[in-house]
């Protein structure tokens, strides 16, 4: 399970680095679909969908990091 979380964070950092993230508004609206495509390349056959899988995992990451 940890490798999925690592891949998710790595892909989100990549999205941030290419300008998909704005400090004012956060990620652009289509970031979940792009994230889904990126994860499919990194983790083939895992079949994580933008909604609900990635949304749920991102909420969990936010909750975990809020306590830190």
Protein backbone atom coordinates (compact mmCIF):
# COMPACT_ATOMS: atom_id res chain seq x y z
CA UNK A 1 0.00 0.00 0.00
CA UNK A 2 2.89 2.36 0.73
CA UNK A 3 4.13 2.31 -2.86
CA UNK A 4 0.75 3.62 -4.04
CA UNK A 5 0.92 6.51 -1.61
CA UNK A 6 4.51 7.25 -2.66
CA UNK A 7 3.51 7.21 -6.32
CA UNK A 8 0.52 9.46 -5.63
CA UNK A 9 2.64 12.03 -3.80
CA UNK A 10 5.36 11.88 -6.48
CA UNK A 11 2.79 12.48 -9.25
CA UNK A 12 1.20 15.35 -7.32
CA UNK A 13 4.65 16.94 -6.92
CA UNK A 14 5.18 16.55 -10.68
CA UNK A 15 1.83 18.25 -11.34
CA UNK A 16 2.86 21.08 -9.03
CA UNK A 17 6.20 21.46 -10.81
CA UNK A 18 4.63 21.73 -14.27
CA UNK A 19 2.29 24.50 -13.17
CA UNK A 20 -0.94 22.62 -12.54
CA UNK A 21 -1.04 24.13 -9.06
CA UNK A 22 -1.73 27.76 -8.18
CA UNK A 23 -0.97 29.13 -4.74
CA UNK A 24 -4.20 31.15 -4.93
CA UNK A 25 -6.67 28.49 -6.07
CA UNK A 26 -4.91 25.15 -5.55
CA UNK A 27 -4.87 22.54 -8.28
CA UNK A 28 -6.67 23.25 -11.54
CA UNK A 29 -10.03 21.55 -12.09
CA UNK A 30 -8.74 18.83 -14.40
CA UNK A 31 -5.87 17.73 -12.16
CA UNK A 32 -7.60 14.53 -11.03
CA UNK A 33 -7.89 13.25 -14.59
CA UNK A 34 -4.24 14.09 -15.28
CA UNK A 35 -3.24 12.43 -12.02
CA UNK A 36 -5.17 9.31 -13.03
CA UNK A 37 -3.26 9.14 -16.34
CA UNK A 38 0.09 9.66 -14.61
CA UNK A 39 -0.59 6.93 -12.04
CA UNK A 40 -1.68 4.50 -14.77
CA UNK A 41 1.78 4.88 -16.32
CA UNK A 42 3.57 4.41 -13.00
CA UNK A 43 1.29 1.70 -11.59
CA UNK A 44 -0.22 -0.22 -14.52
CA UNK A 45 -3.15 -2.50 -13.74
CA UNK A 46 -3.93 -0.80 -10.40
CA UNK A 47 -6.93 0.93 -11.99
CA UNK A 48 -7.31 3.87 -9.63
CA UNK A 49 -10.02 6.19 -10.90
CA UNK A 50 -10.10 9.93 -10.30
CA UNK A 51 -13.45 9.68 -8.57
CA UNK A 52 -13.81 8.20 -5.97
CA UNK A 53 -10.39 6.49 -5.51
CA UNK A 54 -7.98 9.40 -5.92
CA UNK A 55 -10.26 11.90 -4.19
CA UNK A 56 -10.48 9.61 -1.18
CA UNK A 57 -6.73 9.03 -1.02
CA UNK A 58 -6.03 12.75 -1.27
CA UNK A 59 -8.49 13.47 1.56
CA UNK A 60 -6.70 10.86 3.66
CA UNK A 61 -3.31 12.44 2.88
CA UNK A 62 -4.64 15.88 3.84
CA UNK A 63 -6.01 14.52 7.11
CA UNK A 64 -2.76 12.72 7.91
CA UNK A 65 -0.65 15.79 7.17
CA UNK A 66 -2.97 18.09 9.10
CA UNK A 67 -2.06 16.24 12.29
CA UNK A 68 1.65 16.68 11.55
